[in-house]
């Protein structure tokens, strides 16, 4: 099933091609094998409270979410070889292409919904 991440408060789509990393290996590897994220792509790491960008080759935006989908931490353009310590209440982290937070007007306190991607019906 294809997923999207939608900012309920701003009404914008943050990612329309969302992948979930929930297994131990998928969470450990994350985006390390990638050299970029295209606009609209995203990786939701579950469970996760904080991340590092050691070994990554590009900057990312990140959003840490609590159990209700409320943004408890948001960082724009986190560069490679950095760490973002765990945040109280975080249960997942959404990794996005740099610039996604600004485009979607996402900030701490906003609510993010992870939803099935609407099926496009032929005309």
PDB file of N, CA and C in Angstrom:
ATOM      1  N   UNK A   1       0.823  -1.171   0.000  1.00  0.00           N
ATOM      2  CA  UNK A   1       0.000   0.000   0.000  1.00  0.00           C
ATOM      3  C   UNK A   1       0.880   1.251   0.000  1.00  0.00           C
ATOM      4  N   UNK A   2       0.570   2.203  -0.826  1.00  0.00           N
ATOM      5  CA  UNK A   2       1.281   3.476  -0.872  1.00  0.00           C
ATOM      6  C   UNK A   2       0.728   4.398   0.204  1.00  0.00           C
ATOM      7  N   UNK A   3       1.633   5.150   0.842  1.00  0.00           N
ATOM      8  CA  UNK A   3       1.241   6.039   1.928  1.00  0.00           C
ATOM      9  C   UNK A   3       1.639   7.474   1.634  1.00  0.00           C
ATOM     10  N   UNK A   4       0.918   8.396   2.280  1.00  0.00           N
ATOM     11  CA  UNK A   4       1.264   9.810   2.237  1.00  0.00           C
ATOM     12  C   UNK A   4       1.372  10.326   3.672  1.00  0.00           C
ATOM     13  N   UNK A   5       2.098  11.417   3.848  1.00  0.00           N
ATOM     14  CA  UNK A   5       2.143  12.140   5.117  1.00  0.00           C
ATOM     15  C   UNK A   5       1.514  13.503   4.863  1.00  0.00           C
ATOM     16  N   UNK A   6       0.460  13.808   5.621  1.00  0.00           N
ATOM     17  CA  UNK A   6      -0.279  15.053   5.425  1.00  0.00           C
ATOM     18  C   UNK A   6      -0.240  15.874   6.707  1.00  0.00           C
ATOM     19  N   UNK A   7       0.081  17.160   6.580  1.00  0.00           N
ATOM     20  CA  UNK A   7       0.055  18.092   7.701  1.00  0.00           C
ATOM     21  C   UNK A   7      -1.389  18.545   7.866  1.00  0.00           C
ATOM     22  N   UNK A   8      -2.037  18.087   8.923  1.00  0.00           N
ATOM     23  CA  UNK A   8      -3.443  18.410   9.159  1.00  0.00           C
ATOM     24  C   UNK A   8      -3.623  19.900   9.398  1.00  0.00           C
ATOM     25  N   UNK A   9      -2.666  20.537  10.079  1.00  0.00           N
ATOM     26  CA  UNK A   9      -2.813  21.947  10.438  1.00  0.00           C
ATOM     27  C   UNK A   9      -2.611  22.897   9.265  1.00  0.00           C
ATOM     28  N   UNK A  10      -1.667  22.606   8.383  1.00  0.00           N
ATOM     29  CA  UNK A  10      -1.441  23.498   7.238  1.00  0.00           C
ATOM     30  C   UNK A  10      -2.213  23.030   6.011  1.00  0.00           C
ATOM     31  N   UNK A  11      -2.698  21.783   6.037  1.00  0.00           N
ATOM     32  CA  UNK A  11      -3.449  21.258   4.903  1.00  0.00           C
ATOM     33  C   UNK A  11      -2.580  20.828   3.741  1.00  0.00           C
ATOM     34  N   UNK A  12      -1.282  20.684   3.966  1.00  0.00           N
ATOM     35  CA  UNK A  12      -0.371  20.346   2.867  1.00  0.00           C
ATOM     36  C   UNK A  12       0.083  18.890   2.956  1.00  0.00           C
ATOM     37  N   UNK A  13       0.449  18.351   1.805  1.00  0.00           N
ATOM     38  CA  UNK A  13       1.034  17.023   1.743  1.00  0.00           C
ATOM     39  C   UNK A  13       2.543  17.190   1.940  1.00  0.00           C
ATOM     40  N   UNK A  14       3.088  16.495   2.925  1.00  0.00           N
ATOM     41  CA  UNK A  14       4.524  16.577   3.195  1.00  0.00           C
ATOM     42  C   UNK A  14       5.276  15.599   2.300  1.00  0.00           C
ATOM     43  N   UNK A  15       4.729  14.393   2.175  1.00  0.00           N
ATOM     44  CA  UNK A  15       5.333  13.358   1.325  1.00  0.00           C
ATOM     45  C   UNK A  15       4.203  12.554   0.688  1.00  0.00           C
ATOM     46  N   UNK A  16       4.308  12.343  -0.611  1.00  0.00           N
ATOM     47  CA  UNK A  16       3.273  11.542  -1.278  1.00  0.00           C
ATOM     48  C   UNK A  16       3.791  10.167  -1.710  1.00  0.00           C
ATOM     49  N   UNK A  17       5.037   9.886  -1.369  1.00  0.00           N
ATOM     50  CA  UNK A  17       5.636   8.558  -1.602  1.00  0.00           C
ATOM     51  C   UNK A  17       6.419   8.186  -0.347  1.00  0.00           C
ATOM     52  N   UNK A  18       5.684   7.723   0.628  1.00  0.00           N
ATOM     53  CA  UNK A  18       6.241   7.446   1.943  1.00  0.00           C
ATOM     54  C   UNK A  18       6.522   5.954   2.100  1.00  0.00           C
ATOM     55  N   UNK A  19       7.713   5.645   2.591  1.00  0.00           N
ATOM     56  CA  UNK A  19       8.121   4.272   2.879  1.00  0.00           C
ATOM     57  C   UNK A  19       8.299   4.162   4.389  1.00  0.00           C
ATOM     58  N   UNK A  20       7.872   3.033   4.960  1.00  0.00           N
ATOM     59  CA  UNK A  20       8.031   2.811   6.400  1.00  0.00           C
ATOM     60  C   UNK A  20       9.182   1.847   6.640  1.00  0.00           C
ATOM     61  N   UNK A  21      10.072   2.231   7.537  1.00  0.00           N
ATOM     62  CA  UNK A  21      11.162   1.364   7.986  1.00  0.00           C
ATOM     63  C   UNK A  21      10.831   0.943   9.411  1.00  0.00           C
ATOM     64  N   UNK A  22      10.354  -0.300   9.569  1.00  0.00           N
ATOM     65  CA  UNK A  22       9.960  -0.757  10.894  1.00  0.00           C
ATOM     66  C   UNK A  22      10.770  -1.960  11.375  1.00  0.00           C
ATOM     67  N   UNK A  23      11.444  -2.640  10.461  1.00  0.00           N
ATOM     68  CA  UNK A  23      12.288  -3.765  10.851  1.00  0.00           C
ATOM     69  C   UNK A  23      13.651  -3.281  11.320  1.00  0.00           C
ATOM     70  N   UNK A  24      14.310  -4.110  12.091  1.00  0.00           N
ATOM     71  CA  UNK A  24      15.614  -3.733  12.652  1.00  0.00           C
ATOM     72  C   UNK A  24      16.608  -3.322  11.561  1.00  0.00           C
ATOM     73  N   UNK A  25      16.714  -4.098  10.495  1.00  0.00           N
ATOM     74  CA  UNK A  25      17.677  -3.798   9.424  1.00  0.00           C
ATOM     75  C   UNK A  25      17.260  -2.539   8.667  1.00  0.00           C
ATOM     76  N   UNK A  26      15.973  -2.432   8.316  1.00  0.00           N
ATOM     77  CA  UNK A  26      15.501  -1.246   7.590  1.00  0.00           C
ATOM     78  C   UNK A  26      15.728   0.029   8.387  1.00  0.00           C
ATOM     79  N   UNK A  27      15.505  -0.031   9.697  1.00  0.00           N
ATOM     80  CA  UNK A  27      15.728   1.144  10.552  1.00  0.00           C
ATOM     81  C   UNK A  27      17.206   1.477  10.634  1.00  0.00           C
ATOM     82  N   UNK A  28      18.055   0.465  10.712  1.00  0.00           N
ATOM     83  CA  UNK A  28      19.502   0.699  10.827  1.00  0.00           C
ATOM     84  C   UNK A  28      20.077   1.289   9.543  1.00  0.00           C
ATOM     85  N   UNK A  29      19.627   0.791   8.406  1.00  0.00           N
ATOM     86  CA  UNK A  29      20.141   1.263   7.117  1.00  0.00           C
ATOM     87  C   UNK A  29      19.544   2.617   6.763  1.00  0.00           C
ATOM     88  N   UNK A  30      18.243   2.792   6.987  1.00  0.00           N
ATOM     89  CA  UNK A  30      17.584   4.066   6.690  1.00  0.00           C
ATOM     90  C   UNK A  30      17.878   4.555   5.289  1.00  0.00           C
ATOM     91  N   UNK A  31      18.460   5.750   5.190  1.00  0.00           N
ATOM     92  CA  UNK A  31      18.774   6.368   3.894  1.00  0.00           C
ATOM     93  C   UNK A  31      20.255   6.253   3.532  1.00  0.00           C
ATOM     94  N   UNK A  32      21.008   5.429   4.246  1.00  0.00           N
ATOM     95  CA  UNK A  32      22.455   5.354   4.017  1.00  0.00           C
ATOM     96  C   UNK A  32      22.828   4.880   2.622  1.00  0.00           C
ATOM     97  N   UNK A  33      21.964   4.132   1.972  1.00  0.00           N
ATOM     98  CA  UNK A  33      22.284   3.638   0.624  1.00  0.00           C
ATOM     99  C   UNK A  33      21.854   4.618  -0.462  1.00  0.00           C
ATOM    100  N   UNK A  34      21.232   5.700  -0.090  1.00  0.00           N
ATOM    101  CA  UNK A  34      20.716   6.672  -1.066  1.00  0.00           C
ATOM    102  C   UNK A  34      21.676   7.846  -1.210  1.00  0.00           C
ATOM    103  N   UNK A  35      21.643   8.493  -2.376  1.00  0.00           N
ATOM    104  CA  UNK A  35      22.437   9.709  -2.540  1.00  0.00           C
ATOM    105  C   UNK A  35      21.563  10.957  -2.604  1.00  0.00           C
ATOM    106  N   UNK A  36      20.242  10.774  -2.516  1.00  0.00           N
ATOM    107  CA  UNK A  36      19.312  11.901  -2.446  1.00  0.00           C
ATOM    108  C   UNK A  36      17.897  11.367  -2.211  1.00  0.00           C
ATOM    109  N   UNK A  37      16.998  12.267  -1.887  1.00  0.00           N
ATOM    110  CA  UNK A  37      15.566  11.997  -1.861  1.00  0.00           C
ATOM    111  C   UNK A  37      14.918  12.951  -2.847  1.00  0.00           C
ATOM    112  N   UNK A  38      14.058  12.446  -3.681  1.00  0.00           N
ATOM    113  CA  UNK A  38      13.318  13.306  -4.605  1.00  0.00           C
ATOM    114  C   UNK A  38      12.201  14.023  -3.851  1.00  0.00           C
ATOM    115  N   UNK A  39      11.777  15.188  -4.336  1.00  0.00           N
ATOM    116  CA  UNK A  39      10.637  15.870  -3.704  1.00  0.00           C
ATOM    117  C   UNK A  39       9.446  14.915  -3.625  1.00  0.00           C
ATOM    118  N   UNK A  40       8.798  14.892  -2.477  1.00  0.00           N
ATOM    119  CA  UNK A  40       7.648  14.017  -2.278  1.00  0.00           C
ATOM    120  C   UNK A  40       7.984  12.686  -1.644  1.00  0.00           C
ATOM    121  N   UNK A  41       9.268  12.298  -1.637  1.00  0.00           N
ATOM    122  CA  UNK A  41       9.661  11.049  -1.004  1.00  0.00           C
ATOM    123  C   UNK A  41       9.843  11.267   0.493  1.00  0.00           C
ATOM    124  N   UNK A  42       9.735  10.185   1.241  1.00  0.00           N
ATOM    125  CA  UNK A  42       9.967  10.257   2.670  1.00  0.00           C
ATOM    126  C   UNK A  42      10.158   8.875   3.255  1.00  0.00           C
ATOM    127  N   UNK A  43      10.842   8.821   4.391  1.00  0.00           N
ATOM    128  CA  UNK A  43      11.061   7.581   5.123  1.00  0.00           C
ATOM    129  C   UNK A  43      10.573   7.789   6.542  1.00  0.00           C
ATOM    130  N   UNK A  44       9.616   6.960   6.970  1.00  0.00           N
ATOM    131  CA  UNK A  44       9.111   6.999   8.335  1.00  0.00           C
ATOM    132  C   UNK A  44       9.755   5.857   9.104  1.00  0.00           C
ATOM    133  N   UNK A  45      10.548   6.197  10.129  1.00  0.00           N
ATOM    134  CA  UNK A  45      11.245   5.195  10.930  1.00  0.00           C
ATOM    135  C   UNK A  45      10.444   4.975  12.214  1.00  0.00           C
ATOM    136  N   UNK A  46      10.008   3.707  12.399  1.00  0.00           N
ATOM    137  CA  UNK A  46       9.153   3.340  13.523  1.00  0.00           C
ATOM    138  C   UNK A  46       9.654   2.043  14.134  1.00  0.00           C
ATOM    139  N   UNK A  47       9.884   1.934  15.409  1.00  0.00           N
ATOM    140  CA  UNK A  47       9.940   3.022  16.380  1.00  0.00           C
ATOM    141  C   UNK A  47      11.258   3.776  16.271  1.00  0.00           C
ATOM    142  N   UNK A  48      11.231   5.027  16.673  1.00  0.00           N
ATOM    143  CA  UNK A  48      12.432   5.865  16.607  1.00  0.00           C
ATOM    144  C   UNK A  48      12.194   7.127  17.415  1.00  0.00           C
ATOM    145  N   UNK A  49      13.210   7.543  18.174  1.00  0.00           N
ATOM    146  CA  UNK A  49      13.108   8.761  18.984  1.00  0.00           C
ATOM    147  C   UNK A  49      14.110   9.827  18.563  1.00  0.00           C
ATOM    148  N   UNK A  50      15.195   9.424  17.875  1.00  0.00           N
ATOM    149  CA  UNK A  50      16.220  10.355  17.425  1.00  0.00           C
ATOM    150  C   UNK A  50      16.999   9.685  16.310  1.00  0.00           C
ATOM    151  N   UNK A  51      17.769  10.456  15.584  1.00  0.00           N
ATOM    152  CA  UNK A  51      18.491   9.901  14.436  1.00  0.00           C
ATOM    153  C   UNK A  51      19.905  10.459  14.359  1.00  0.00           C
ATOM    154  N   UNK A  52      20.698   9.841  13.499  1.00  0.00           N
ATOM    155  CA  UNK A  52      22.007  10.392  13.136  1.00  0.00           C
ATOM    156  C   UNK A  52      22.104  10.382  11.620  1.00  0.00           C
ATOM    157  N   UNK A  53      22.994  11.200  11.111  1.00  0.00           N
ATOM    158  CA  UNK A  53      23.217  11.241   9.661  1.00  0.00           C
ATOM    159  C   UNK A  53      24.654  10.849   9.332  1.00  0.00           C
ATOM    160  N   UNK A  54      25.273  10.048  10.217  1.00  0.00           N
ATOM    161  CA  UNK A  54      26.627   9.572   9.966  1.00  0.00           C
ATOM    162  C   UNK A  54      26.634   8.717   8.713  1.00  0.00           C
ATOM    163  N   UNK A  55      27.519   9.025   7.789  1.00  0.00           N
ATOM    164  CA  UNK A  55      27.641   8.261   6.559  1.00  0.00           C
ATOM    165  C   UNK A  55      26.685   8.673   5.462  1.00  0.00           C
ATOM    166  N   UNK A  56      25.783   9.598   5.748  1.00  0.00           N
ATOM    167  CA  UNK A  56      24.860  10.048   4.694  1.00  0.00           C
ATOM    168  C   UNK A  56      25.575  11.016   3.756  1.00  0.00           C
ATOM    169  N   UNK A  57      25.016  11.155   2.561  1.00  0.00           N
ATOM    170  CA  UNK A  57      25.648  11.991   1.542  1.00  0.00           C
ATOM    171  C   UNK A  57      24.854  13.238   1.198  1.00  0.00           C
ATOM    172  N   UNK A  58      23.791  13.504   1.960  1.00  0.00           N
ATOM    173  CA  UNK A  58      22.953  14.675   1.650  1.00  0.00           C
ATOM    174  C   UNK A  58      22.220  15.108   2.910  1.00  0.00           C
ATOM    175  N   UNK A  59      21.773  16.358   2.905  1.00  0.00           N
ATOM    176  CA  UNK A  59      21.023  16.910   4.031  1.00  0.00           C
ATOM    177  C   UNK A  59      19.564  16.474   3.943  1.00  0.00           C
ATOM    178  N   UNK A  60      18.921  16.380   5.108  1.00  0.00           N
ATOM    179  CA  UNK A  60      17.510  16.014   5.168  1.00  0.00           C
ATOM    180  C   UNK A  60      16.776  16.933   6.142  1.00  0.00           C
ATOM    181  N   UNK A  61      15.466  17.021   5.947  1.00  0.00           N
ATOM    182  CA  UNK A  61      14.594  17.597   6.961  1.00  0.00           C
ATOM    183  C   UNK A  61      14.087  16.432   7.799  1.00  0.00           C
ATOM    184  N   UNK A  62      13.888  16.659   9.083  1.00  0.00           N
ATOM    185  CA  UNK A  62      13.334  15.591   9.910  1.00  0.00           C
ATOM    186  C   UNK A  62      12.223  16.114  10.791  1.00  0.00           C
ATOM    187  N   UNK A  63      11.284  15.200  11.050  1.00  0.00           N
ATOM    188  CA  UNK A  63      10.143  15.491  11.892  1.00  0.00           C
ATOM    189  C   UNK A  63       9.992  14.322  12.855  1.00  0.00           C
ATOM    190  N   UNK A  64      10.084  14.594  14.161  1.00  0.00           N
ATOM    191  CA  UNK A  64       9.840  13.564  15.166  1.00  0.00           C
ATOM    192  C   UNK A  64       8.389  13.689  15.616  1.00  0.00           C
ATOM    193  N   UNK A  65       7.694  12.543  15.655  1.00  0.00           N
ATOM    194  CA  UNK A  65       6.265  12.522  15.958  1.00  0.00           C
ATOM    195  C   UNK A  65       5.997  11.750  17.241  1.00  0.00           C
ATOM    196  N   UNK A  66       4.988  12.204  17.996  1.00  0.00           N
ATOM    197  CA  UNK A  66       4.562  11.435  19.159  1.00  0.00           C
ATOM    198  C   UNK A  66       3.504  10.420  18.721  1.00  0.00           C
ATOM    199  N   UNK A  67       2.958   9.690  19.676  1.00  0.00           N
ATOM    200  CA  UNK A  67       2.001   8.624  19.376  1.00  0.00           C
ATOM    201  C   UNK A  67       0.765   9.139  18.640  1.00  0.00           C
ATOM    202  N   UNK A  68       0.392  10.402  18.849  1.00  0.00           N
ATOM    203  CA  UNK A  68      -0.790  10.991  18.213  1.00  0.00           C
ATOM    204  C   UNK A  68      -0.485  11.664  16.893  1.00  0.00           C
ATOM    205  N   UNK A  69       0.789  11.655  16.478  1.00  0.00           N
ATOM    206  CA  UNK A  69       1.171  12.313  15.233  1.00  0.00           C
ATOM    207  C   UNK A  69       1.506  13.780  15.382  1.00  0.00           C
ATOM    208  N   UNK A  70       1.664  14.236  16.612  1.00  0.00           N
ATOM    209  CA  UNK A  70       2.033  15.636  16.857  1.00  0.00           C
ATOM    210  C   UNK A  70       3.541  15.780  16.708  1.00  0.00           C
ATOM    211  N   UNK A  71       3.963  16.834  16.017  1.00  0.00           N
ATOM    212  CA  UNK A  71       5.381  17.099  15.802  1.00  0.00           C
ATOM    213  C   UNK A  71       6.004  17.571  17.117  1.00  0.00           C
ATOM    214  N   UNK A  72       6.963  16.778  17.643  1.00  0.00           N
ATOM    215  CA  UNK A  72       7.658  17.155  18.876  1.00  0.00           C
ATOM    216  C   UNK A  72       9.054  17.711  18.591  1.00  0.00           C
ATOM    217  N   UNK A  73       9.512  17.562  17.345  1.00  0.00           N
ATOM    218  CA  UNK A  73      10.806  18.115  16.933  1.00  0.00           C
ATOM    219  C   UNK A  73      10.798  18.240  15.420  1.00  0.00           C
ATOM    220  N   UNK A  74      11.351  19.316  14.917  1.00  0.00           N
ATOM    221  CA  UNK A  74      11.463  19.527  13.470  1.00  0.00           C
ATOM    222  C   UNK A  74      12.790  20.224  13.193  1.00  0.00           C
ATOM    223  N   UNK A  75      13.551  19.671  12.265  1.00  0.00           N
ATOM    224  CA  UNK A  75      14.853  20.232  11.925  1.00  0.00           C
ATOM    225  C   UNK A  75      14.949  20.340  10.405  1.00  0.00           C
ATOM    226  N   UNK A  76      15.280  21.513   9.928  1.00  0.00           N
ATOM    227  CA  UNK A  76      15.443  21.733   8.489  1.00  0.00           C
ATOM    228  C   UNK A  76      16.902  21.543   8.097  1.00  0.00           C
ATOM    229  N   UNK A  77      17.101  20.845   6.988  1.00  0.00           N
ATOM    230  CA  UNK A  77      18.416  20.689   6.359  1.00  0.00           C
ATOM    231  C   UNK A  77      19.491  20.192   7.324  1.00  0.00           C
ATOM    232  N   UNK A  78      19.203  19.110   8.029  1.00  0.00           N
ATOM    233  CA  UNK A  78      20.201  18.485   8.890  1.00  0.00           C
ATOM    234  C   UNK A  78      21.278  17.868   8.003  1.00  0.00           C
ATOM    235  N   UNK A  79      22.507  18.343   8.162  1.00  0.00           N
ATOM    236  CA  UNK A  79      23.607  17.937   7.287  1.00  0.00           C
ATOM    237  C   UNK A  79      24.149  16.564   7.666  1.00  0.00           C
ATOM    238  N   UNK A  80      24.877  15.936   6.742  1.00  0.00           N
ATOM    239  CA  UNK A  80      25.525  14.663   7.068  1.00  0.00           C
ATOM    240  C   UNK A  80      26.475  14.802   8.261  1.00  0.00           C
ATOM    241  N   UNK A  81      26.669  13.690   8.934  1.00  0.00           N
ATOM    242  CA  UNK A  81      27.577  13.560  10.074  1.00  0.00           C
ATOM    243  C   UNK A  81      27.113  14.356  11.296  1.00  0.00           C
ATOM    244  N   UNK A  82      25.799  14.421  11.458  1.00  0.00           N
ATOM    245  CA  UNK A  82      25.210  15.098  12.615  1.00  0.00           C
ATOM    246  C   UNK A  82      24.372  14.083  13.398  1.00  0.00           C
ATOM    247  N   UNK A  83      23.963  14.478  14.594  1.00  0.00           N
ATOM    248  CA  UNK A  83      23.095  13.642  15.421  1.00  0.00           C
ATOM    249  C   UNK A  83      21.970  14.516  15.955  1.00  0.00           C
ATOM    250  N   UNK A  84      20.797  13.933  16.039  1.00  0.00           N
ATOM    251  CA  UNK A  84      19.654  14.598  16.683  1.00  0.00           C
ATOM    252  C   UNK A  84      19.230  13.683  17.814  1.00  0.00           C
ATOM    253  N   UNK A  85      19.489  14.132  19.030  1.00  0.00           N
ATOM    254  CA  UNK A  85      19.226  13.315  20.209  1.00  0.00           C
ATOM    255  C   UNK A  85      17.739  12.987  20.332  1.00  0.00           C
ATOM    256  N   UNK A  86      17.428  11.886  20.991  1.00  0.00           N
ATOM    257  CA  UNK A  86      16.020  11.518  21.182  1.00  0.00           C
ATOM    258  C   UNK A  86      15.236  12.633  21.864  1.00  0.00           C
ATOM    259  N   UNK A  87      13.997  12.777  21.442  1.00  0.00           N
ATOM    260  CA  UNK A  87      13.105  13.786  22.011  1.00  0.00           C
ATOM    261  C   UNK A  87      12.040  13.108  22.859  1.00  0.00           C
ATOM    262  N   UNK A  88      11.747  13.704  23.986  1.00  0.00           N
ATOM    263  CA  UNK A  88      10.734  13.168  24.885  1.00  0.00           C
ATOM    264  C   UNK A  88       9.399  13.031  24.136  1.00  0.00           C
ATOM    265  N   UNK A  89       8.812  11.859  24.220  1.00  0.00           N
ATOM    266  CA  UNK A  89       7.511  11.621  23.610  1.00  0.00           C
ATOM    267  C   UNK A  89       7.555  11.135  22.179  1.00  0.00           C
ATOM    268  N   UNK A  90       8.712  11.227  21.524  1.00  0.00           N
ATOM    269  CA  UNK A  90       8.803  10.802  20.123  1.00  0.00           C
ATOM    270  C   UNK A  90       8.689   9.280  20.029  1.00  0.00           C
ATOM    271  N   UNK A  91       7.952   8.817  19.028  1.00  0.00           N
ATOM    272  CA  UNK A  91       7.837   7.384  18.764  1.00  0.00           C
ATOM    273  C   UNK A  91       8.240   7.045  17.333  1.00  0.00           C
ATOM    274  N   UNK A  92       8.331   8.074  16.485  1.00  0.00           N
ATOM    275  CA  UNK A  92       8.744   7.857  15.099  1.00  0.00           C
ATOM    276  C   UNK A  92       9.400   9.121  14.557  1.00  0.00           C
ATOM    277  N   UNK A  93      10.212   8.928  13.506  1.00  0.00           N
ATOM    278  CA  UNK A  93      10.869  10.059  12.854  1.00  0.00           C
ATOM    279  C   UNK A  93      10.618   9.956  11.357  1.00  0.00           C
ATOM    280  N   UNK A  94      10.209  11.061  10.781  1.00  0.00           N
ATOM    281  CA  UNK A  94       9.969  11.170   9.350  1.00  0.00           C
ATOM    282  C   UNK A  94      11.144  11.913   8.725  1.00  0.00           C
ATOM    283  N   UNK A  95      11.861  11.244   7.811  1.00  0.00           N
ATOM    284  CA  UNK A  95      12.988  11.859   7.104  1.00  0.00           C
ATOM    285  C   UNK A  95      12.521  12.273   5.718  1.00  0.00           C
ATOM    286  N   UNK A  96      12.835  13.504   5.356  1.00  0.00           N
ATOM    287  CA  UNK A  96      12.316  14.121   4.133  1.00  0.00           C
ATOM    288  C   UNK A  96      13.425  14.846   3.377  1.00  0.00           C
ATOM    289  N   UNK A  97      13.202  15.125   2.086  1.00  0.00           N
ATOM    290  CA  UNK A  97      14.186  15.936   1.365  1.00  0.00           C
ATOM    291  C   UNK A  97      14.298  17.322   2.006  1.00  0.00           C
ATOM    292  N   UNK A  98      15.502  17.857   2.027  1.00  0.00           N
ATOM    293  CA  UNK A  98      15.700  19.216   2.550  1.00  0.00           C
ATOM    294  C   UNK A  98      14.783  20.174   1.807  1.00  0.00           C
ATOM    295  N   UNK A  99      14.146  21.068   2.545  1.00  0.00           N
ATOM    296  CA  UNK A  99      13.202  22.032   1.974  1.00  0.00           C
ATOM    297  C   UNK A  99      11.749  21.623   2.165  1.00  0.00           C
ATOM    298  N   UNK A 100      11.506  20.386   2.573  1.00  0.00           N
ATOM    299  CA  UNK A 100      10.125  19.899   2.744  1.00  0.00           C
ATOM    300  C   UNK A 100       9.386  20.622   3.859  1.00  0.00           C
ATOM    301  N   UNK A 101      10.079  20.913   4.959  1.00  0.00           N
ATOM    302  CA  UNK A 101       9.419  21.602   6.074  1.00  0.00           C
ATOM    303  C   UNK A 101       8.940  22.985   5.654  1.00  0.00           C
ATOM    304  N   UNK A 102       9.794  23.698   4.954  1.00  0.00           N
ATOM    305  CA  UNK A 102       9.417  25.044   4.502  1.00  0.00           C
ATOM    306  C   UNK A 102       8.260  24.985   3.512  1.00  0.00           C
ATOM    307  N   UNK A 103       8.362  24.077   2.522  1.00  0.00           N
ATOM    308  CA  UNK A 103       7.304  23.971   1.513  1.00  0.00           C
ATOM    309  C   UNK A 103       5.952  23.610   2.129  1.00  0.00           C
ATOM    310  N   UNK A 104       5.965  22.734   3.129  1.00  0.00           N
ATOM    311  CA  UNK A 104       4.712  22.281   3.729  1.00  0.00           C
ATOM    312  C   UNK A 104       4.298  23.099   4.947  1.00  0.00           C
ATOM    313  N   UNK A 105       5.114  24.082   5.327  1.00  0.00           N
ATOM    314  CA  UNK A 105       4.855  24.947   6.475  1.00  0.00           C
ATOM    315  C   UNK A 105       4.713  24.140   7.770  1.00  0.00           C
ATOM    316  N   UNK A 106       5.470  23.042   7.871  1.00  0.00           N
ATOM    317  CA  UNK A 106       5.390  22.160   9.032  1.00  0.00           C
ATOM    318  C   UNK A 106       6.287  22.672  10.154  1.00  0.00           C
ATOM    319  N   UNK A 107       5.753  22.661  11.378  1.00  0.00           N
ATOM    320  CA  UNK A 107       6.509  23.100  12.540  1.00  0.00           C
ATOM    321  C   UNK A 107       6.052  22.340  13.779  1.00  0.00           C
ATOM    322  N   UNK A 108       6.804  22.498  14.858  1.00  0.00           N
ATOM    323  CA  UNK A 108       6.446  21.820  16.107  1.00  0.00           C
ATOM    324  C   UNK A 108       5.016  22.155  16.505  1.00  0.00           C
ATOM    325  N   UNK A 109       4.324  21.126  17.025  1.00  0.00           N
ATOM    326  CA  UNK A 109       2.938  21.303  17.453  1.00  0.00           C
ATOM    327  C   UNK A 109       1.923  20.942  16.388  1.00  0.00           C
ATOM    328  N   UNK A 110       2.348  20.910  15.123  1.00  0.00           N
ATOM    329  CA  UNK A 110       1.432  20.511  14.057  1.00  0.00           C
ATOM    330  C   UNK A 110       1.129  19.023  14.159  1.00  0.00           C
ATOM    331  N   UNK A 111      -0.001  18.614  13.600  1.00  0.00           N
ATOM    332  CA  UNK A 111      -0.394  17.211  13.583  1.00  0.00           C
ATOM    333  C   UNK A 111      -0.173  16.636  12.187  1.00  0.00           C
ATOM    334  N   UNK A 112       0.474  15.479  12.137  1.00  0.00           N
ATOM    335  CA  UNK A 112       0.775  14.812  10.880  1.00  0.00           C
ATOM    336  C   UNK A 112      -0.027  13.508  10.811  1.00  0.00           C
ATOM    337  N   UNK A 113      -0.718  13.305   9.706  1.00  0.00           N
ATOM    338  CA  UNK A 113      -1.471  12.068   9.490  1.00  0.00           C
ATOM    339  C   UNK A 113      -0.743  11.234   8.451  1.00  0.00           C
ATOM    340  N   UNK A 114      -0.566   9.959   8.751  1.00  0.00           N
ATOM    341  CA  UNK A 114      -0.017   9.003   7.795  1.00  0.00           C
ATOM    342  C   UNK A 114      -1.223   8.252   7.252  1.00  0.00           C
ATOM    343  N   UNK A 115      -1.455   8.378   5.950  1.00  0.00           N
ATOM    344  CA  UNK A 115      -2.689   7.873   5.350  1.00  0.00           C
ATOM    345  C   UNK A 115      -2.384   7.082   4.088  1.00  0.00           C
ATOM    346  N   UNK A 116      -3.323   6.209   3.703  1.00  0.00           N
ATOM    347  CA  UNK A 116      -3.177   5.539   2.398  1.00  0.00           C
ATOM    348  C   UNK A 116      -3.207   6.578   1.283  1.00  0.00           C
ATOM    349  N   UNK A 117      -2.400   6.347   0.282  1.00  0.00           N
ATOM    350  CA  UNK A 117      -2.402   7.247  -0.882  1.00  0.00           C
ATOM    351  C   UNK A 117      -3.684   7.016  -1.664  1.00  0.00           C
ATOM    352  N   UNK A 118      -4.395   8.085  -2.005  1.00  0.00           N
ATOM    353  CA  UNK A 118      -5.642   7.911  -2.759  1.00  0.00           C
ATOM    354  C   UNK A 118      -5.365   7.199  -4.093  1.00  0.00           C
ATOM    355  N   UNK A 119      -6.249   6.297  -4.424  1.00  0.00           N
ATOM    356  CA  UNK A 119      -6.135   5.570  -5.693  1.00  0.00           C
ATOM    357  C   UNK A 119      -6.619   6.472  -6.805  1.00  0.00           C
ATOM    358  N   UNK A 120      -5.752   6.634  -7.812  1.00  0.00           N
ATOM    359  CA  UNK A 120      -6.142   7.458  -8.968  1.00  0.00           C
ATOM    360  C   UNK A 120      -6.927   6.587  -9.926  1.00  0.00           C
ATOM    361  N   UNK A 121      -8.132   7.025 -10.214  1.00  0.00           N
ATOM    362  CA  UNK A 121      -8.994   6.268 -11.126  1.00  0.00           C
ATOM    363  C   UNK A 121      -8.836   6.808 -12.541  1.00  0.00           C
ATOM    364  N   UNK A 122      -8.768   5.912 -13.528  1.00  0.00           N
ATOM    365  CA  UNK A 122      -8.664   6.370 -14.913  1.00  0.00           C
ATOM    366  C   UNK A 122      -9.892   7.199 -15.309  1.00  0.00           C
ATOM    367  N   UNK A 123      -9.660   8.196 -16.148  1.00  0.00           N
ATOM    368  CA  UNK A 123     -10.752   9.077 -16.579  1.00  0.00           C
ATOM    369  C   UNK A 123     -11.657   8.412 -17.583  1.00  0.00           C
TER     370      UNK A 123
END
